[in-house]
Amino acid sequence: MNAFARFILRCCKSAPWLVLLQACSAASPIPLASHVDLGSIQGGWYILATIPNWFEKGMVAPYDVYSLRPDGNLREDFYVRFGGFDARRWHAVVKDEILPGTHDAGWRVHLLGPIKVPFLVLYTDPEYRFVLFGENDRSLGWVYSRTPTIDDEQYRALLNRFATLGYDPARFRKVVQLPEQIGMPGFWSDGISSSAP
C-alpha cells in the first residue's frame, strides 16, 4: 500500500472518533469565523502548521486548492508528498460540504462514501491571506497561507488567535514546505527523509 493510500485509510479510520469527539464537545462549540466568502477562499493554500497527529506524520509540501462546485459546495484538490521531497506527489479530490446556518464557516469533508469529517473555519484575515481551521474539541488545528512561508511575527499572531479560541499554541508545529526546513527548530520533521528533491 502506498503512502497516500495509507493517509486516506488513516483519515477514514479516524473519522468515527472525530465524529464522536464532535458530538461530545457539542455543548460548548468553538466559535466559527463570523463570515466566510467562498469566492475569496478559492484558489491555492499552503498548509503551514498543524497539531502533530498520527495521520499526517511524514507529510511534506501539503497544498490545497479550493474551487466552487455547481451545487454551492467546494471541490478540494489536495496535493502532498509523504516521507520526503523525492517521494511521489499524490493528489486527491474531495467534496467539502458547506453546512447551512454557519455563515459558510462550517464544513464537512466527504472522504469516502458516507464518511464525513468536520472541518471548521475559525478565522480568515480580511484579504484572505490566511485561514485557521480547527475542530470543536481543539485536538486538531491548521494554519493555511497563500505563501509557503510567513515571517515569525505573522505566525505568532496566528497562534495567538488560536489561543483566544482555547487552543494551546505550544502544541502547533510548522509543516515542512521547503527542503531546508527539515529538522529546523519548530518544524514537524518526524518521518521525513532529508534527501534532496
C-alpha atoms as a PDB file:
ATOM      1  CA  MET A   1       0.000   0.000   0.000  1.00  0.00           C
ATOM      2  CA  ASN A   2       1.452   3.373  -0.992  1.00  0.00           C
ATOM      3  CA  ALA A   3       1.861   6.317   1.367  1.00  0.00           C
ATOM      4  CA  PHE A   4      -1.116   8.275   0.084  1.00  0.00           C
ATOM      5  CA  ALA A   5      -3.428   5.273   0.343  1.00  0.00           C
ATOM      6  CA  ARG A   6      -2.280   4.865   3.940  1.00  0.00           C
ATOM      7  CA  PHE A   7      -3.086   8.540   4.561  1.00  0.00           C
ATOM      8  CA  ILE A   8      -6.645   8.150   3.259  1.00  0.00           C
ATOM      9  CA  LEU A   9      -7.061   4.931   5.241  1.00  0.00           C
ATOM     10  CA  ARG A  10      -5.822   6.627   8.405  1.00  0.00           C
ATOM     11  CA  CYS A  11      -8.231   9.529   7.857  1.00  0.00           C
ATOM     12  CA  CYS A  12     -11.135   7.127   7.337  1.00  0.00           C
ATOM     13  CA  LYS A  13     -10.248   5.129  10.437  1.00  0.00           C
ATOM     14  CA  SER A  14     -10.121   8.312  12.480  1.00  0.00           C
ATOM     15  CA  ALA A  15     -13.432   9.640  11.131  1.00  0.00           C
ATOM     16  CA  PRO A  16     -15.751   7.827  13.619  1.00  0.00           C
ATOM     17  CA  TRP A  17     -13.639   9.120  16.503  1.00  0.00           C
ATOM     18  CA  LEU A  18     -13.712  12.646  15.089  1.00  0.00           C
ATOM     19  CA  VAL A  19     -17.492  12.484  14.813  1.00  0.00           C
ATOM     20  CA  LEU A  20     -17.732  11.151  18.368  1.00  0.00           C
ATOM     21  CA  LEU A  21     -15.464  13.913  19.678  1.00  0.00           C
ATOM     22  CA  GLN A  22     -17.522  16.475  17.773  1.00  0.00           C
ATOM     23  CA  ALA A  23     -20.690  15.187  19.412  1.00  0.00           C
ATOM     24  CA  CYS A  24     -19.125  15.103  22.862  1.00  0.00           C
ATOM     25  CA  SER A  25     -17.978  18.702  22.574  1.00  0.00           C
ATOM     26  CA  ALA A  26     -21.249  19.996  21.139  1.00  0.00           C
ATOM     27  CA  ALA A  27     -22.246  21.562  24.485  1.00  0.00           C
ATOM     28  CA  SER A  28     -19.579  24.262  24.083  1.00  0.00           C
ATOM     29  CA  PRO A  29     -18.824  24.598  20.372  1.00  0.00           C
ATOM     30  CA  ILE A  30     -15.809  26.560  19.258  1.00  0.00           C
ATOM     31  CA  PRO A  31     -16.623  29.984  17.783  1.00  0.00           C
ATOM     32  CA  LEU A  32     -16.525  29.956  13.989  1.00  0.00           C
ATOM     33  CA  ALA A  33     -15.431  32.753  11.700  1.00  0.00           C
ATOM     34  CA  SER A  34     -18.273  35.275  11.542  1.00  0.00           C
ATOM     35  CA  HIS A  35     -18.478  35.010   7.754  1.00  0.00           C
ATOM     36  CA  VAL A  36     -16.570  33.175   5.029  1.00  0.00           C
ATOM     37  CA  ASP A  37     -16.580  34.467   1.469  1.00  0.00           C
ATOM     38  CA  LEU A  38     -16.394  31.267  -0.563  1.00  0.00           C
ATOM     39  CA  GLY A  39     -15.368  33.211  -3.635  1.00  0.00           C
ATOM     40  CA  SER A  40     -12.371  34.669  -1.800  1.00  0.00           C
ATOM     41  CA  ILE A  41     -11.348  31.364  -0.256  1.00  0.00           C
ATOM     42  CA  GLN A  42     -10.974  29.776  -3.686  1.00  0.00           C
ATOM     43  CA  GLY A  43      -7.507  29.087  -5.004  1.00  0.00           C
ATOM     44  CA  GLY A  44      -4.339  27.599  -3.596  1.00  0.00           C
ATOM     45  CA  TRP A  45      -3.317  27.303   0.055  1.00  0.00           C
ATOM     46  CA  TYR A  46      -0.118  26.058   1.690  1.00  0.00           C
ATOM     47  CA  ILE A  47      -0.570  24.210   4.983  1.00  0.00           C
ATOM     48  CA  LEU A  48       1.978  25.942   7.218  1.00  0.00           C
ATOM     49  CA  ALA A  49       1.295  24.486  10.643  1.00  0.00           C
ATOM     50  CA  THR A  50      -0.625  21.712  12.363  1.00  0.00           C
ATOM     51  CA  ILE A  51      -1.016  19.982  15.692  1.00  0.00           C
ATOM     52  CA  PRO A  52       1.031  16.794  15.145  1.00  0.00           C
ATOM     53  CA  ASN A  53      -1.186  13.766  14.668  1.00  0.00           C
ATOM     54  CA  TRP A  54      -0.790  10.188  13.523  1.00  0.00           C
ATOM     55  CA  PHE A  55      -2.459  10.552  10.120  1.00  0.00           C
ATOM     56  CA  GLU A  56      -0.312  13.450   8.854  1.00  0.00           C
ATOM     57  CA  LYS A  57       3.072  12.143  10.036  1.00  0.00           C
ATOM     58  CA  GLY A  58       5.752  12.413   7.362  1.00  0.00           C
ATOM     59  CA  MET A  59       3.775  14.921   5.295  1.00  0.00           C
ATOM     60  CA  VAL A  60       5.778  17.434   3.228  1.00  0.00           C
ATOM     61  CA  ALA A  61       4.666  20.301   0.993  1.00  0.00           C
ATOM     62  CA  PRO A  62       0.909  19.825   1.525  1.00  0.00           C
ATOM     63  CA  TYR A  63      -1.127  22.126  -0.682  1.00  0.00           C
ATOM     64  CA  ASP A  64      -4.890  22.588  -1.043  1.00  0.00           C
ATOM     65  CA  VAL A  65      -6.793  24.147  -3.929  1.00  0.00           C
ATOM     66  CA  TYR A  66     -10.442  25.101  -3.389  1.00  0.00           C
ATOM     67  CA  SER A  67     -12.958  25.795  -6.149  1.00  0.00           C
ATOM     68  CA  LEU A  68     -16.716  26.286  -6.110  1.00  0.00           C
ATOM     69  CA  ARG A  69     -18.878  23.403  -7.264  1.00  0.00           C
ATOM     70  CA  PRO A  70     -22.151  23.906  -9.151  1.00  0.00           C
ATOM     71  CA  ASP A  71     -24.060  22.709  -6.060  1.00  0.00           C
ATOM     72  CA  GLY A  72     -22.653  25.563  -3.919  1.00  0.00           C
ATOM     73  CA  ASN A  73     -20.197  23.370  -2.032  1.00  0.00           C
ATOM     74  CA  LEU A  74     -16.424  23.280  -2.542  1.00  0.00           C
ATOM     75  CA  ARG A  75     -14.158  20.994  -4.512  1.00  0.00           C
ATOM     76  CA  GLU A  76     -10.887  20.382  -2.683  1.00  0.00           C
ATOM     77  CA  ASP A  77      -7.807  19.262  -4.620  1.00  0.00           C
ATOM     78  CA  PHE A  78      -5.224  18.098  -2.093  1.00  0.00           C
ATOM     79  CA  TYR A  79      -1.569  17.610  -3.062  1.00  0.00           C
ATOM     80  CA  VAL A  80       1.062  16.093  -0.755  1.00  0.00           C
ATOM     81  CA  ARG A  81       4.234  14.038  -0.536  1.00  0.00           C
ATOM     82  CA  PHE A  82       4.980  11.603   2.272  1.00  0.00           C
ATOM     83  CA  GLY A  83       8.444  10.864   3.631  1.00  0.00           C
ATOM     84  CA  GLY A  84      10.448  13.438   1.689  1.00  0.00           C
ATOM     85  CA  PHE A  85      10.682  15.709  -1.311  1.00  0.00           C
ATOM     86  CA  ASP A  86      11.902  12.863  -3.515  1.00  0.00           C
ATOM     87  CA  ALA A  87       8.662  10.937  -2.878  1.00  0.00           C
ATOM     88  CA  ARG A  88       5.841  10.854  -5.362  1.00  0.00           C
ATOM     89  CA  ARG A  89       3.390  13.760  -5.188  1.00  0.00           C
ATOM     90  CA  TRP A  90      -0.118  12.492  -4.511  1.00  0.00           C
ATOM     91  CA  HIS A  91      -3.370  14.180  -5.491  1.00  0.00           C
ATOM     92  CA  ALA A  92      -6.844  13.584  -4.081  1.00  0.00           C
ATOM     93  CA  VAL A  93     -10.149  15.271  -4.849  1.00  0.00           C
ATOM     94  CA  VAL A  94     -12.865  15.514  -2.198  1.00  0.00           C
ATOM     95  CA  LYS A  95     -16.078  17.446  -1.684  1.00  0.00           C
ATOM     96  CA  ASP A  96     -16.285  19.950   1.164  1.00  0.00           C
ATOM     97  CA  GLU A  97     -19.924  20.342   2.141  1.00  0.00           C
ATOM     98  CA  ILE A  98     -20.896  23.789   3.421  1.00  0.00           C
ATOM     99  CA  LEU A  99     -23.312  23.492   6.331  1.00  0.00           C
ATOM    100  CA  PRO A 100     -26.335  25.821   6.393  1.00  0.00           C
ATOM    101  CA  GLY A 101     -26.606  28.325   9.217  1.00  0.00           C
ATOM    102  CA  THR A 102     -22.827  28.589   9.708  1.00  0.00           C
ATOM    103  CA  HIS A 103     -22.143  31.657   7.535  1.00  0.00           C
ATOM    104  CA  ASP A 104     -20.176  29.255   5.299  1.00  0.00           C
ATOM    105  CA  ALA A 105     -17.695  28.530   8.115  1.00  0.00           C
ATOM    106  CA  GLY A 106     -18.897  25.012   8.998  1.00  0.00           C
ATOM    107  CA  TRP A 107     -17.626  22.399   6.540  1.00  0.00           C
ATOM    108  CA  ARG A 108     -17.829  18.617   6.276  1.00  0.00           C
ATOM    109  CA  VAL A 109     -15.186  16.856   4.187  1.00  0.00           C
ATOM    110  CA  HIS A 110     -16.518  13.848   2.256  1.00  0.00           C
ATOM    111  CA  LEU A 111     -13.670  11.335   2.310  1.00  0.00           C
ATOM    112  CA  LEU A 112     -15.094   8.026   1.068  1.00  0.00           C
ATOM    113  CA  GLY A 113     -18.766   7.103   0.703  1.00  0.00           C
ATOM    114  CA  PRO A 114     -20.695   8.140   3.804  1.00  0.00           C
ATOM    115  CA  ILE A 115     -17.575   9.139   5.756  1.00  0.00           C
ATOM    116  CA  LYS A 116     -17.615  12.864   6.524  1.00  0.00           C
ATOM    117  CA  VAL A 117     -15.329  14.689   8.924  1.00  0.00           C
ATOM    118  CA  PRO A 118     -15.812  18.187  10.358  1.00  0.00           C
ATOM    119  CA  PHE A 119     -13.568  20.991   9.172  1.00  0.00           C
ATOM    120  CA  LEU A 120     -14.300  24.365  10.742  1.00  0.00           C
ATOM    121  CA  VAL A 121     -13.168  27.781   9.557  1.00  0.00           C
ATOM    122  CA  LEU A 122     -12.151  29.641  12.707  1.00  0.00           C
ATOM    123  CA  TYR A 123     -10.589  32.751  11.180  1.00  0.00           C
ATOM    124  CA  THR A 124      -9.818  34.435   7.868  1.00  0.00           C
ATOM    125  CA  ASP A 125      -7.960  37.696   7.581  1.00  0.00           C
ATOM    126  CA  PRO A 126      -9.741  40.410   5.543  1.00  0.00           C
ATOM    127  CA  GLU A 127      -7.502  39.900   2.491  1.00  0.00           C
ATOM    128  CA  TYR A 128      -7.798  36.078   2.637  1.00  0.00           C
ATOM    129  CA  ARG A 129      -4.056  35.606   3.011  1.00  0.00           C
ATOM    130  CA  PHE A 130      -4.515  33.251   5.999  1.00  0.00           C
ATOM    131  CA  VAL A 131      -7.132  30.787   7.208  1.00  0.00           C
ATOM    132  CA  LEU A 132      -7.259  28.960  10.528  1.00  0.00           C
ATOM    133  CA  PHE A 133      -9.101  25.629  10.557  1.00  0.00           C
ATOM    134  CA  GLY A 134      -9.941  23.551  13.614  1.00  0.00           C
ATOM    135  CA  GLU A 135     -12.302  21.233  15.456  1.00  0.00           C
ATOM    136  CA  ASN A 136     -14.698  21.658  18.369  1.00  0.00           C
ATOM    137  CA  ASP A 137     -12.577  19.597  20.741  1.00  0.00           C
ATOM    138  CA  ARG A 138      -9.448  21.581  19.802  1.00  0.00           C
ATOM    139  CA  SER A 139      -7.405  18.425  19.246  1.00  0.00           C
ATOM    140  CA  LEU A 140      -6.693  19.377  15.627  1.00  0.00           C
ATOM    141  CA  GLY A 141      -5.846  22.708  14.046  1.00  0.00           C
ATOM    142  CA  TRP A 142      -4.203  24.053  10.907  1.00  0.00           C
ATOM    143  CA  VAL A 143      -2.683  27.300   9.647  1.00  0.00           C
ATOM    144  CA  TYR A 144      -3.193  27.895   5.908  1.00  0.00           C
ATOM    145  CA  SER A 145      -1.399  30.593   3.917  1.00  0.00           C
ATOM    146  CA  ARG A 146      -1.270  31.808   0.332  1.00  0.00           C
ATOM    147  CA  THR A 147       2.538  31.627   0.536  1.00  0.00           C
ATOM    148  CA  PRO A 148       4.803  28.712   1.571  1.00  0.00           C
ATOM    149  CA  THR A 149       6.483  30.786   4.300  1.00  0.00           C
ATOM    150  CA  ILE A 150       5.488  33.665   6.560  1.00  0.00           C
ATOM    151  CA  ASP A 151       7.511  35.740   8.995  1.00  0.00           C
ATOM    152  CA  ASP A 152       7.706  34.886  12.673  1.00  0.00           C
ATOM    153  CA  GLU A 153       5.581  37.862  13.732  1.00  0.00           C
ATOM    154  CA  GLN A 154       2.703  36.800  11.477  1.00  0.00           C
ATOM    155  CA  TYR A 155       2.999  33.212  12.688  1.00  0.00           C
ATOM    156  CA  ARG A 156       2.882  34.233  16.360  1.00  0.00           C
ATOM    157  CA  ALA A 157      -0.146  36.430  15.682  1.00  0.00           C
ATOM    158  CA  LEU A 158      -2.000  33.491  14.101  1.00  0.00           C
ATOM    159  CA  LEU A 159      -1.133  31.208  17.014  1.00  0.00           C
ATOM    160  CA  ASN A 160      -2.361  33.903  19.395  1.00  0.00           C
ATOM    161  CA  ARG A 161      -5.717  33.771  17.584  1.00  0.00           C
ATOM    162  CA  PHE A 162      -5.827  30.046  18.273  1.00  0.00           C
ATOM    163  CA  ALA A 163      -5.078  30.797  21.936  1.00  0.00           C
ATOM    164  CA  THR A 164      -8.120  33.099  22.167  1.00  0.00           C
ATOM    165  CA  LEU A 165     -10.224  30.128  20.990  1.00  0.00           C
ATOM    166  CA  GLY A 166      -8.974  27.865  23.770  1.00  0.00           C
ATOM    167  CA  TYR A 167      -6.103  26.150  21.958  1.00  0.00           C
ATOM    168  CA  ASP A 168      -2.639  25.651  23.437  1.00  0.00           C
ATOM    169  CA  PRO A 169      -0.336  27.330  20.864  1.00  0.00           C
ATOM    170  CA  ALA A 170       2.625  25.302  22.122  1.00  0.00           C
ATOM    171  CA  ARG A 171       1.099  22.185  20.542  1.00  0.00           C
ATOM    172  CA  PHE A 172       1.466  23.524  16.995  1.00  0.00           C
ATOM    173  CA  ARG A 173       4.416  22.684  14.761  1.00  0.00           C
ATOM    174  CA  LYS A 174       5.297  24.191  11.415  1.00  0.00           C
ATOM    175  CA  VAL A 175       4.799  21.909   8.413  1.00  0.00           C
ATOM    176  CA  VAL A 176       7.791  21.334   6.139  1.00  0.00           C
ATOM    177  CA  GLN A 177       7.161  23.145   2.860  1.00  0.00           C
ATOM    178  CA  LEU A 178      10.788  23.515   1.705  1.00  0.00           C
ATOM    179  CA  PRO A 179      13.702  21.045   1.892  1.00  0.00           C
ATOM    180  CA  GLU A 180      15.833  23.378   4.007  1.00  0.00           C
ATOM    181  CA  GLN A 181      13.161  23.343   6.742  1.00  0.00           C
ATOM    182  CA  ILE A 182      13.667  19.643   7.539  1.00  0.00           C
ATOM    183  CA  GLY A 183      14.998  19.299  11.080  1.00  0.00           C
ATOM    184  CA  MET A 184      14.809  23.001  11.863  1.00  0.00           C
ATOM    185  CA  PRO A 185      13.506  24.034  15.309  1.00  0.00           C
ATOM    186  CA  GLY A 186       9.727  24.359  15.393  1.00  0.00           C
ATOM    187  CA  PHE A 187       9.168  22.181  12.305  1.00  0.00           C
ATOM    188  CA  TRP A 188       7.483  18.760  12.422  1.00  0.00           C
ATOM    189  CA  SER A 189      10.087  16.578  10.704  1.00  0.00           C
ATOM    190  CA  ASP A 190       9.128  13.154  12.087  1.00  0.00           C
ATOM    191  CA  GLY A 191       9.140  10.527   9.341  1.00  0.00           C
ATOM    192  CA  ILE A 192      10.744  12.833   6.744  1.00  0.00           C
ATOM    193  CA  SER A 193      13.932  11.989   4.873  1.00  0.00           C
ATOM    194  CA  SER A 194      16.423  14.769   4.264  1.00  0.00           C
ATOM    195  CA  SER A 195      17.176  13.565   0.737  1.00  0.00           C
ATOM    196  CA  ALA A 196      17.331  16.370  -1.790  1.00  0.00           C
ATOM    197  CA  PRO A 197      14.361  16.725  -4.159  1.00  0.00           C
END
